[in-house]
Amino acid sequence: MPAALMKKATMTADRTEASKLVDKAIAELRRIVDDHRRLRAEYAELWSGENRPFALEPVLARYDEMIGRYARPFGRGRRGQEVA
Protein backbone atom coordinates (compact mmCIF):
# COMPACT_ATOMS: atom_id res chain seq x y z
CA MET A 1 0.00 0.00 0.00
CA PRO A 2 2.67 2.62 0.85
CA ALA A 3 4.51 1.87 -2.40
CA ALA A 4 1.32 2.32 -4.40
CA LEU A 5 0.66 5.65 -2.69
CA MET A 6 4.19 6.83 -3.43
CA LYS A 7 3.87 5.80 -7.07
CA LYS A 8 0.58 7.65 -7.36
CA ALA A 9 2.17 10.72 -5.73
CA THR A 10 4.99 10.77 -8.28
CA MET A 11 2.46 10.65 -11.10
CA THR A 12 0.25 13.40 -9.66
CA ALA A 13 0.75 16.85 -11.14
CA ASP A 14 -1.04 18.59 -8.26
CA ARG A 15 1.58 19.18 -5.55
CA THR A 16 -1.02 19.47 -2.79
CA GLU A 17 -2.51 16.12 -3.73
CA ALA A 18 0.95 14.56 -4.05
CA SER A 19 1.87 15.90 -0.61
CA LYS A 20 -1.27 14.36 0.89
CA LEU A 21 -0.44 11.00 -0.72
CA VAL A 22 3.12 11.06 0.61
CA ASP A 23 1.85 11.94 4.09
CA LYS A 24 -0.62 9.06 3.87
CA ALA A 25 2.15 6.65 2.79
CA ILE A 26 4.35 7.74 5.71
CA ALA A 27 1.44 7.29 8.13
CA GLU A 28 0.83 3.80 6.75
CA LEU A 29 4.51 2.91 7.15
CA ARG A 30 4.41 4.13 10.75
CA ARG A 31 1.37 1.97 11.41
CA ILE A 32 3.08 -1.08 9.91
CA VAL A 33 6.25 -0.49 11.95
CA ASP A 34 4.22 -0.02 15.15
CA ASP A 35 2.23 -3.19 14.44
CA HIS A 36 5.42 -5.20 13.92
CA ARG A 37 6.89 -3.84 17.14
CA ARG A 38 3.77 -4.85 19.07
CA LEU A 39 3.79 -8.30 17.49
CA ARG A 40 7.49 -8.71 18.33
CA ALA A 41 6.88 -7.84 21.99
CA GLU A 42 3.86 -10.13 22.24
CA TYR A 43 5.72 -12.98 20.54
CA ALA A 44 8.67 -12.61 22.93
CA GLU A 45 6.33 -12.69 25.92
CA LEU A 46 4.45 -15.76 24.70
CA TRP A 47 7.69 -17.51 23.73
CA SER A 48 9.17 -17.00 27.19
CA GLY A 49 6.30 -18.88 28.76
CA GLU A 50 6.63 -21.94 26.55
CA ASN A 51 10.14 -22.23 25.12
CA ARG A 52 13.83 -21.96 25.84
CA PRO A 53 15.12 -18.39 25.85
CA PHE A 54 18.28 -19.04 23.78
CA ALA A 55 16.22 -19.87 20.69
CA LEU A 56 14.26 -16.62 20.81
CA GLU A 57 16.98 -14.30 19.47
CA PRO A 58 16.94 -15.57 15.85
CA VAL A 59 13.17 -15.10 15.72
CA LEU A 60 13.35 -11.59 17.18
CA ALA A 61 16.10 -10.77 14.68
CA ARG A 62 13.62 -11.56 11.89
CA TYR A 63 11.10 -9.15 13.42
CA ASP A 64 13.83 -6.50 13.66
CA GLU A 65 14.77 -7.08 10.02
CA MET A 66 11.16 -6.64 8.92
CA ILE A 67 10.77 -3.48 11.00
CA GLY A 68 13.94 -2.15 9.38
CA ARG A 69 12.66 -2.95 5.91
CA TYR A 70 9.58 -0.80 6.44
CA ALA A 71 11.43 2.01 8.17
CA ARG A 72 14.52 2.11 5.91
CA PRO A 73 13.06 3.26 2.55
CA PHE A 74 12.20 6.68 3.87
CA GLY A 75 14.60 6.99 6.78
CA ARG A 76 13.37 10.43 7.59
CA GLY A 77 10.22 11.53 5.90
CA ARG A 78 9.58 14.96 4.54
CA ARG A 79 9.91 17.89 6.88
CA GLY A 80 12.00 15.76 9.25
CA GLN A 81 9.19 13.32 10.03
CA GLU A 82 10.55 10.03 11.25
CA VAL A 83 8.93 6.93 9.83
CA ALA A 84 10.13 4.65 12.58
PDB file of N, CA and C in Angstrom:
ATOM      1  N   MET A   1       0.808  -1.201   0.000  1.00  0.00           N
ATOM      2  CA  MET A   1       0.000   0.000   0.000  1.00  0.00           C
ATOM      3  C   MET A   1       0.854   1.269   0.000  1.00  0.00           C
ATOM      4  N   PRO A   2       1.862   1.407   0.891  1.00  0.00           N
ATOM      5  CA  PRO A   2       2.666   2.625   0.847  1.00  0.00           C
ATOM      6  C   PRO A   2       3.360   2.830  -0.504  1.00  0.00           C
ATOM      7  N   ALA A   3       3.837   1.752  -1.107  1.00  0.00           N
ATOM      8  CA  ALA A   3       4.512   1.871  -2.400  1.00  0.00           C
ATOM      9  C   ALA A   3       3.541   2.369  -3.465  1.00  0.00           C
ATOM     10  N   ALA A   4       2.320   1.884  -3.440  1.00  0.00           N
ATOM     11  CA  ALA A   4       1.318   2.325  -4.400  1.00  0.00           C
ATOM     12  C   ALA A   4       0.996   3.803  -4.213  1.00  0.00           C
ATOM     13  N   LEU A   5       0.921   4.233  -2.961  1.00  0.00           N
ATOM     14  CA  LEU A   5       0.664   5.648  -2.692  1.00  0.00           C
ATOM     15  C   LEU A   5       1.806   6.524  -3.188  1.00  0.00           C
ATOM     16  N   MET A   6       3.039   6.067  -2.977  1.00  0.00           N
ATOM     17  CA  MET A   6       4.189   6.834  -3.428  1.00  0.00           C
ATOM     18  C   MET A   6       4.222   6.913  -4.955  1.00  0.00           C
ATOM     19  N   LYS A   7       3.892   5.809  -5.609  1.00  0.00           N
ATOM     20  CA  LYS A   7       3.866   5.804  -7.073  1.00  0.00           C
ATOM     21  C   LYS A   7       2.816   6.784  -7.583  1.00  0.00           C
ATOM     22  N   LYS A   8       1.646   6.748  -6.953  1.00  0.00           N
ATOM     23  CA  LYS A   8       0.580   7.655  -7.359  1.00  0.00           C
ATOM     24  C   LYS A   8       1.008   9.110  -7.134  1.00  0.00           C
ATOM     25  N   ALA A   9       1.715   9.359  -6.028  1.00  0.00           N
ATOM     26  CA  ALA A   9       2.171  10.723  -5.728  1.00  0.00           C
ATOM     27  C   ALA A   9       3.144  11.223  -6.789  1.00  0.00           C
ATOM     28  N   THR A  10       4.015  10.344  -7.274  1.00  0.00           N
ATOM     29  CA  THR A  10       4.987  10.773  -8.285  1.00  0.00           C
ATOM     30  C   THR A  10       4.318  11.046  -9.627  1.00  0.00           C
ATOM     31  N   MET A  11       3.154  10.468  -9.835  1.00  0.00           N
ATOM     32  CA  MET A  11       2.460  10.651 -11.102  1.00  0.00           C
ATOM     33  C   MET A  11       1.402  11.753 -11.020  1.00  0.00           C
ATOM     34  N   THR A  12       1.250  12.358  -9.854  1.00  0.00           N
ATOM     35  CA  THR A  12       0.249  13.398  -9.660  1.00  0.00           C
ATOM     36  C   THR A  12       0.866  14.766  -9.912  1.00  0.00           C
ATOM     37  N   ALA A  13       0.236  15.521 -10.798  1.00  0.00           N
ATOM     38  CA  ALA A  13       0.755  16.851 -11.136  1.00  0.00           C
ATOM     39  C   ALA A  13       0.455  17.863 -10.028  1.00  0.00           C
ATOM     40  N   ASP A  14      -0.629  17.667  -9.325  1.00  0.00           N
ATOM     41  CA  ASP A  14      -1.037  18.588  -8.259  1.00  0.00           C
ATOM     42  C   ASP A  14      -0.172  18.351  -7.023  1.00  0.00           C
ATOM     43  N   ARG A  15       0.649  19.337  -6.667  1.00  0.00           N
ATOM     44  CA  ARG A  15       1.580  19.184  -5.547  1.00  0.00           C
ATOM     45  C   ARG A  15       0.857  18.982  -4.215  1.00  0.00           C
ATOM     46  N   THR A  16      -0.268  19.631  -4.039  1.00  0.00           N
ATOM     47  CA  THR A  16      -1.024  19.469  -2.794  1.00  0.00           C
ATOM     48  C   THR A  16      -1.511  18.041  -2.658  1.00  0.00           C
ATOM     49  N   GLU A  17      -2.034  17.503  -3.740  1.00  0.00           N
ATOM     50  CA  GLU A  17      -2.508  16.120  -3.728  1.00  0.00           C
ATOM     51  C   GLU A  17      -1.345  15.157  -3.526  1.00  0.00           C
ATOM     52  N   ALA A  18      -0.230  15.411  -4.198  1.00  0.00           N
ATOM     53  CA  ALA A  18       0.953  14.562  -4.045  1.00  0.00           C
ATOM     54  C   ALA A  18       1.442  14.595  -2.606  1.00  0.00           C
ATOM     55  N   SER A  19       1.438  15.758  -1.995  1.00  0.00           N
ATOM     56  CA  SER A  19       1.870  15.901  -0.608  1.00  0.00           C
ATOM     57  C   SER A  19       0.973  15.090   0.326  1.00  0.00           C
ATOM     58  N   LYS A  20      -0.318  15.134   0.081  1.00  0.00           N
ATOM     59  CA  LYS A  20      -1.270  14.357   0.893  1.00  0.00           C
ATOM     60  C   LYS A  20      -1.003  12.859   0.742  1.00  0.00           C
ATOM     61  N   LEU A  21      -0.711  12.415  -0.486  1.00  0.00           N
ATOM     62  CA  LEU A  21      -0.442  10.998  -0.721  1.00  0.00           C
ATOM     63  C   LEU A  21       0.844  10.555  -0.026  1.00  0.00           C
ATOM     64  N   VAL A  22       1.860  11.392  -0.061  1.00  0.00           N
ATOM     65  CA  VAL A  22       3.120  11.065   0.609  1.00  0.00           C
ATOM     66  C   VAL A  22       2.890  10.989   2.117  1.00  0.00           C
ATOM     67  N   ASP A  23       2.163  11.959   2.664  1.00  0.00           N
ATOM     68  CA  ASP A  23       1.854  11.936   4.094  1.00  0.00           C
ATOM     69  C   ASP A  23       1.081  10.669   4.472  1.00  0.00           C
ATOM     70  N   LYS A  24       0.161  10.274   3.618  1.00  0.00           N
ATOM     71  CA  LYS A  24      -0.616   9.063   3.875  1.00  0.00           C
ATOM     72  C   LYS A  24       0.282   7.819   3.837  1.00  0.00           C
ATOM     73  N   ALA A  25       1.216   7.778   2.888  1.00  0.00           N
ATOM     74  CA  ALA A  25       2.146   6.645   2.792  1.00  0.00           C
ATOM     75  C   ALA A  25       3.026   6.574   4.039  1.00  0.00           C
ATOM     76  N   ILE A  26       3.514   7.719   4.501  1.00  0.00           N
ATOM     77  CA  ILE A  26       4.345   7.745   5.706  1.00  0.00           C
ATOM     78  C   ILE A  26       3.544   7.278   6.914  1.00  0.00           C
ATOM     79  N   ALA A  27       2.297   7.727   7.022  1.00  0.00           N
ATOM     80  CA  ALA A  27       1.437   7.292   8.132  1.00  0.00           C
ATOM     81  C   ALA A  27       1.211   5.783   8.086  1.00  0.00           C
ATOM     82  N   GLU A  28       1.022   5.246   6.896  1.00  0.00           N
ATOM     83  CA  GLU A  28       0.826   3.795   6.747  1.00  0.00           C
ATOM     84  C   GLU A  28       2.088   3.037   7.149  1.00  0.00           C
ATOM     85  N   LEU A  29       3.248   3.542   6.755  1.00  0.00           N
ATOM     86  CA  LEU A  29       4.511   2.908   7.151  1.00  0.00           C
ATOM     87  C   LEU A  29       4.679   2.943   8.669  1.00  0.00           C
ATOM     88  N   ARG A  30       4.330   4.050   9.286  1.00  0.00           N
ATOM     89  CA  ARG A  30       4.408   4.131  10.753  1.00  0.00           C
ATOM     90  C   ARG A  30       3.510   3.083  11.399  1.00  0.00           C
ATOM     91  N   ARG A  31       2.300   2.942  10.861  1.00  0.00           N
ATOM     92  CA  ARG A  31       1.371   1.966  11.413  1.00  0.00           C
ATOM     93  C   ARG A  31       1.928   0.550  11.283  1.00  0.00           C
ATOM     94  N   ILE A  32       2.511   0.244  10.129  1.00  0.00           N
ATOM     95  CA  ILE A  32       3.084  -1.082   9.909  1.00  0.00           C
ATOM     96  C   ILE A  32       4.243  -1.334  10.871  1.00  0.00           C
ATOM     97  N   VAL A  33       5.118  -0.347  11.026  1.00  0.00           N
ATOM     98  CA  VAL A  33       6.253  -0.487  11.945  1.00  0.00           C
ATOM     99  C   VAL A  33       5.742  -0.691  13.373  1.00  0.00           C
ATOM    100  N   ASP A  34       4.772   0.121  13.785  1.00  0.00           N
ATOM    101  CA  ASP A  34       4.220  -0.020  15.145  1.00  0.00           C
ATOM    102  C   ASP A  34       3.580  -1.385  15.349  1.00  0.00           C
ATOM    103  N   ASP A  35       2.850  -1.864  14.350  1.00  0.00           N
ATOM    104  CA  ASP A  35       2.226  -3.193  14.441  1.00  0.00           C
ATOM    105  C   ASP A  35       3.275  -4.289  14.594  1.00  0.00           C
ATOM    106  N   HIS A  36       4.343  -4.194  13.826  1.00  0.00           N
ATOM    107  CA  HIS A  36       5.415  -5.198  13.919  1.00  0.00           C
ATOM    108  C   HIS A  36       6.099  -5.150  15.283  1.00  0.00           C
ATOM    109  N   ARG A  37       6.282  -3.957  15.808  1.00  0.00           N
ATOM    110  CA  ARG A  37       6.893  -3.843  17.138  1.00  0.00           C
ATOM    111  C   ARG A  37       6.000  -4.471  18.209  1.00  0.00           C
ATOM    112  N   ARG A  38       4.700  -4.234  18.102  1.00  0.00           N
ATOM    113  CA  ARG A  38       3.768  -4.850  19.071  1.00  0.00           C
ATOM    114  C   ARG A  38       3.775  -6.371  18.945  1.00  0.00           C
ATOM    115  N   LEU A  39       3.754  -6.856  17.714  1.00  0.00           N
ATOM    116  CA  LEU A  39       3.793  -8.305  17.494  1.00  0.00           C
ATOM    117  C   LEU A  39       5.079  -8.916  18.040  1.00  0.00           C
ATOM    118  N   ARG A  40       6.192  -8.225  17.835  1.00  0.00           N
ATOM    119  CA  ARG A  40       7.487  -8.710  18.330  1.00  0.00           C
ATOM    120  C   ARG A  40       7.446  -8.849  19.847  1.00  0.00           C
ATOM    121  N   ALA A  41       6.954  -7.820  20.526  1.00  0.00           N
ATOM    122  CA  ALA A  41       6.885  -7.844  21.992  1.00  0.00           C
ATOM    123  C   ALA A  41       5.949  -8.945  22.484  1.00  0.00           C
ATOM    124  N   GLU A  42       4.807  -9.091  21.842  1.00  0.00           N
ATOM    125  CA  GLU A  42       3.863 -10.128  22.237  1.00  0.00           C
ATOM    126  C   GLU A  42       4.449 -11.524  21.991  1.00  0.00           C
ATOM    127  N   TYR A  43       5.105 -11.695  20.854  1.00  0.00           N
ATOM    128  CA  TYR A  43       5.723 -12.980  20.537  1.00  0.00           C
ATOM    129  C   TYR A  43       6.772 -13.345  21.579  1.00  0.00           C
ATOM    130  N   ALA A  44       7.620 -12.367  21.937  1.00  0.00           N
ATOM    131  CA  ALA A  44       8.672 -12.615  22.929  1.00  0.00           C
ATOM    132  C   ALA A  44       8.072 -13.024  24.271  1.00  0.00           C
ATOM    133  N   GLU A  45       6.991 -12.358  24.656  1.00  0.00           N
ATOM    134  CA  GLU A  45       6.330 -12.689  25.925  1.00  0.00           C
ATOM    135  C   GLU A  45       5.747 -14.099  25.890  1.00  0.00           C
ATOM    136  N   LEU A  46       5.055 -14.424  24.818  1.00  0.00           N
ATOM    137  CA  LEU A  46       4.453 -15.761  24.704  1.00  0.00           C
ATOM    138  C   LEU A  46       5.537 -16.838  24.617  1.00  0.00           C
ATOM    139  N   TRP A  47       6.594 -16.562  23.875  1.00  0.00           N
ATOM    140  CA  TRP A  47       7.692 -17.513  23.726  1.00  0.00           C
ATOM    141  C   TRP A  47       8.301 -17.842  25.087  1.00  0.00           C
ATOM    142  N   SER A  48       8.516 -16.820  25.888  1.00  0.00           N
ATOM    143  CA  SER A  48       9.174 -16.997  27.187  1.00  0.00           C
ATOM    144  C   SER A  48       8.393 -17.934  28.102  1.00  0.00           C
ATOM    145  N   GLY A  49       7.120 -17.994  27.941  1.00  0.00           N
ATOM    146  CA  GLY A  49       6.304 -18.876  28.762  1.00  0.00           C
ATOM    147  C   GLY A  49       6.320 -20.327  28.325  1.00  0.00           C
ATOM    148  N   GLU A  50       6.735 -20.586  27.099  1.00  0.00           N
ATOM    149  CA  GLU A  50       6.630 -21.938  26.550  1.00  0.00           C
ATOM    150  C   GLU A  50       7.941 -22.545  26.048  1.00  0.00           C
ATOM    151  N   ASN A  51       8.946 -21.740  25.798  1.00  0.00           N
ATOM    152  CA  ASN A  51      10.139 -22.235  25.119  1.00  0.00           C
ATOM    153  C   ASN A  51      11.425 -21.809  25.819  1.00  0.00           C
ATOM    154  N   ARG A  52      12.514 -22.308  25.300  1.00  0.00           N
ATOM    155  CA  ARG A  52      13.834 -21.960  25.838  1.00  0.00           C
ATOM    156  C   ARG A  52      14.254 -20.584  25.341  1.00  0.00           C
ATOM    157  N   PRO A  53      14.790 -19.768  26.235  1.00  0.00           N
ATOM    158  CA  PRO A  53      15.117 -18.392  25.853  1.00  0.00           C
ATOM    159  C   PRO A  53      16.209 -18.260  24.797  1.00  0.00           C
ATOM    160  N   PHE A  54      17.171 -19.186  24.738  1.00  0.00           N
ATOM    161  CA  PHE A  54      18.278 -19.043  23.781  1.00  0.00           C
ATOM    162  C   PHE A  54      17.813 -19.100  22.333  1.00  0.00           C
ATOM    163  N   ALA A  55      16.704 -19.730  22.072  1.00  0.00           N
ATOM    164  CA  ALA A  55      16.221 -19.866  20.693  1.00  0.00           C
ATOM    165  C   ALA A  55      15.361 -18.679  20.248  1.00  0.00           C
ATOM    166  N   LEU A  56      15.113 -17.758  21.140  1.00  0.00           N
ATOM    167  CA  LEU A  56      14.259 -16.618  20.811  1.00  0.00           C
ATOM    168  C   LEU A  56      14.975 -15.575  19.949  1.00  0.00           C
ATOM    169  N   GLU A  57      16.244 -15.362  20.172  1.00  0.00           N
ATOM    170  CA  GLU A  57      16.984 -14.302  19.471  1.00  0.00           C
ATOM    171  C   GLU A  57      16.885 -14.369  17.945  1.00  0.00           C
ATOM    172  N   PRO A  58      17.055 -15.544  17.324  1.00  0.00           N
ATOM    173  CA  PRO A  58      16.937 -15.574  15.848  1.00  0.00           C
ATOM    174  C   PRO A  58      15.548 -15.147  15.351  1.00  0.00           C
ATOM    175  N   VAL A  59      14.528 -15.482  16.109  1.00  0.00           N
ATOM    176  CA  VAL A  59      13.166 -15.097  15.715  1.00  0.00           C
ATOM    177  C   VAL A  59      12.986 -13.587  15.864  1.00  0.00           C
ATOM    178  N   LEU A  60      13.467 -13.032  16.976  1.00  0.00           N
ATOM    179  CA  LEU A  60      13.354 -11.590  17.184  1.00  0.00           C
ATOM    180  C   LEU A  60      14.176 -10.826  16.146  1.00  0.00           C
ATOM    181  N   ALA A  61      15.283 -11.407  15.719  1.00  0.00           N
ATOM    182  CA  ALA A  61      16.097 -10.773  14.675  1.00  0.00           C
ATOM    183  C   ALA A  61      15.304 -10.654  13.376  1.00  0.00           C
ATOM    184  N   ARG A  62      14.462 -11.633  13.094  1.00  0.00           N
ATOM    185  CA  ARG A  62      13.621 -11.556  11.885  1.00  0.00           C
ATOM    186  C   ARG A  62      12.589 -10.440  12.009  1.00  0.00           C
ATOM    187  N   TYR A  63      12.017 -10.277  13.204  1.00  0.00           N
ATOM    188  CA  TYR A  63      11.103  -9.153  13.418  1.00  0.00           C
ATOM    189  C   TYR A  63      11.845  -7.831  13.214  1.00  0.00           C
ATOM    190  N   ASP A  64      13.048  -7.724  13.789  1.00  0.00           N
ATOM    191  CA  ASP A  64      13.834  -6.503  13.659  1.00  0.00           C
ATOM    192  C   ASP A  64      14.172  -6.209  12.197  1.00  0.00           C
ATOM    193  N   GLU A  65      14.470  -7.252  11.443  1.00  0.00           N
ATOM    194  CA  GLU A  65      14.768  -7.083  10.019  1.00  0.00           C
ATOM    195  C   GLU A  65      13.548  -6.538   9.281  1.00  0.00           C
ATOM    196  N   MET A  66      12.382  -7.080   9.587  1.00  0.00           N
ATOM    197  CA  MET A  66      11.162  -6.635   8.920  1.00  0.00           C
ATOM    198  C   MET A  66      10.832  -5.197   9.296  1.00  0.00           C
ATOM    199  N   ILE A  67      10.999  -4.854  10.568  1.00  0.00           N
ATOM    200  CA  ILE A  67      10.769  -3.478  10.999  1.00  0.00           C
ATOM    201  C   ILE A  67      11.711  -2.543  10.246  1.00  0.00           C
ATOM    202  N   GLY A  68      12.964  -2.955  10.115  1.00  0.00           N
ATOM    203  CA  GLY A  68      13.942  -2.152   9.382  1.00  0.00           C
ATOM    204  C   GLY A  68      13.587  -1.991   7.921  1.00  0.00           C
ATOM    205  N   ARG A  69      13.043  -3.024   7.323  1.00  0.00           N
ATOM    206  CA  ARG A  69      12.657  -2.945   5.907  1.00  0.00           C
ATOM    207  C   ARG A  69      11.597  -1.880   5.686  1.00  0.00           C
ATOM    208  N   TYR A  70      10.638  -1.806   6.596  1.00  0.00           N
ATOM    209  CA  TYR A  70       9.581  -0.804   6.439  1.00  0.00           C
ATOM    210  C   TYR A  70      10.056   0.590   6.795  1.00  0.00           C
ATOM    211  N   ALA A  71      10.962   0.698   7.738  1.00  0.00           N
ATOM    212  CA  ALA A  71      11.432   2.013   8.173  1.00  0.00           C
ATOM    213  C   ALA A  71      12.527   2.563   7.266  1.00  0.00           C
ATOM    214  N   ARG A  72      13.339   1.702   6.685  1.00  0.00           N
ATOM    215  CA  ARG A  72      14.520   2.112   5.907  1.00  0.00           C
ATOM    216  C   ARG A  72      14.218   2.910   4.640  1.00  0.00           C
ATOM    217  N   PRO A  73      13.224   2.568   3.836  1.00  0.00           N
ATOM    218  CA  PRO A  73      13.064   3.260   2.552  1.00  0.00           C
ATOM    219  C   PRO A  73      12.961   4.773   2.665  1.00  0.00           C
ATOM    220  N   PHE A  74      12.378   5.252   3.735  1.00  0.00           N
ATOM    221  CA  PHE A  74      12.198   6.685   3.871  1.00  0.00           C
ATOM    222  C   PHE A  74      13.139   7.294   4.891  1.00  0.00           C
ATOM    223  N   GLY A  75      13.707   6.458   5.753  1.00  0.00           N
ATOM    224  CA  GLY A  75      14.598   6.994   6.778  1.00  0.00           C
ATOM    225  C   GLY A  75      13.909   8.113   7.518  1.00  0.00           C
ATOM    226  N   ARG A  76      14.107   9.287   7.065  1.00  0.00           N
ATOM    227  CA  ARG A  76      13.373  10.429   7.585  1.00  0.00           C
ATOM    228  C   ARG A  76      12.422  10.870   6.482  1.00  0.00           C
ATOM    229  N   GLY A  77      11.206  11.077   6.859  1.00  0.00           N
ATOM    230  CA  GLY A  77      10.221  11.532   5.901  1.00  0.00           C
ATOM    231  C   GLY A  77      10.419  12.995   5.586  1.00  0.00           C
ATOM    232  N   ARG A  78       9.512  13.531   4.874  1.00  0.00           N
ATOM    233  CA  ARG A  78       9.579  14.957   4.543  1.00  0.00           C
ATOM    234  C   ARG A  78       9.438  15.794   5.809  1.00  0.00           C
ATOM    235  N   ARG A  79       9.973  16.947   5.767  1.00  0.00           N
ATOM    236  CA  ARG A  79       9.914  17.890   6.882  1.00  0.00           C
ATOM    237  C   ARG A  79      10.417  17.271   8.184  1.00  0.00           C
ATOM    238  N   GLY A  80      11.378  16.338   8.065  1.00  0.00           N
ATOM    239  CA  GLY A  80      11.999  15.761   9.250  1.00  0.00           C
ATOM    240  C   GLY A  80      11.143  14.746   9.980  1.00  0.00           C
ATOM    241  N   GLN A  81      10.033  14.326   9.382  1.00  0.00           N
ATOM    242  CA  GLN A  81       9.190  13.323  10.035  1.00  0.00           C
ATOM    243  C   GLN A  81       9.947  12.008  10.059  1.00  0.00           C
ATOM    244  N   GLU A  82       9.923  11.342  11.187  1.00  0.00           N
ATOM    245  CA  GLU A  82      10.548  10.034  11.248  1.00  0.00           C
ATOM    246  C   GLU A  82       9.492   8.973  10.974  1.00  0.00           C
ATOM    247  N   VAL A  83       9.848   8.023  10.132  1.00  0.00           N
ATOM    248  CA  VAL A  83       8.927   6.934   9.830  1.00  0.00           C
ATOM    249  C   VAL A  83       8.889   5.970  10.998  1.00  0.00           C
ATOM    250  N   ALA A  84      10.060   5.626  11.491  1.00  0.00           N
ATOM    251  CA  ALA A  84      10.126   4.655  12.577  1.00  0.00           C
ATOM    252  C   ALA A  84      10.134   5.360  13.836  1.00  0.00           C
TER     253      ALA A  84
END
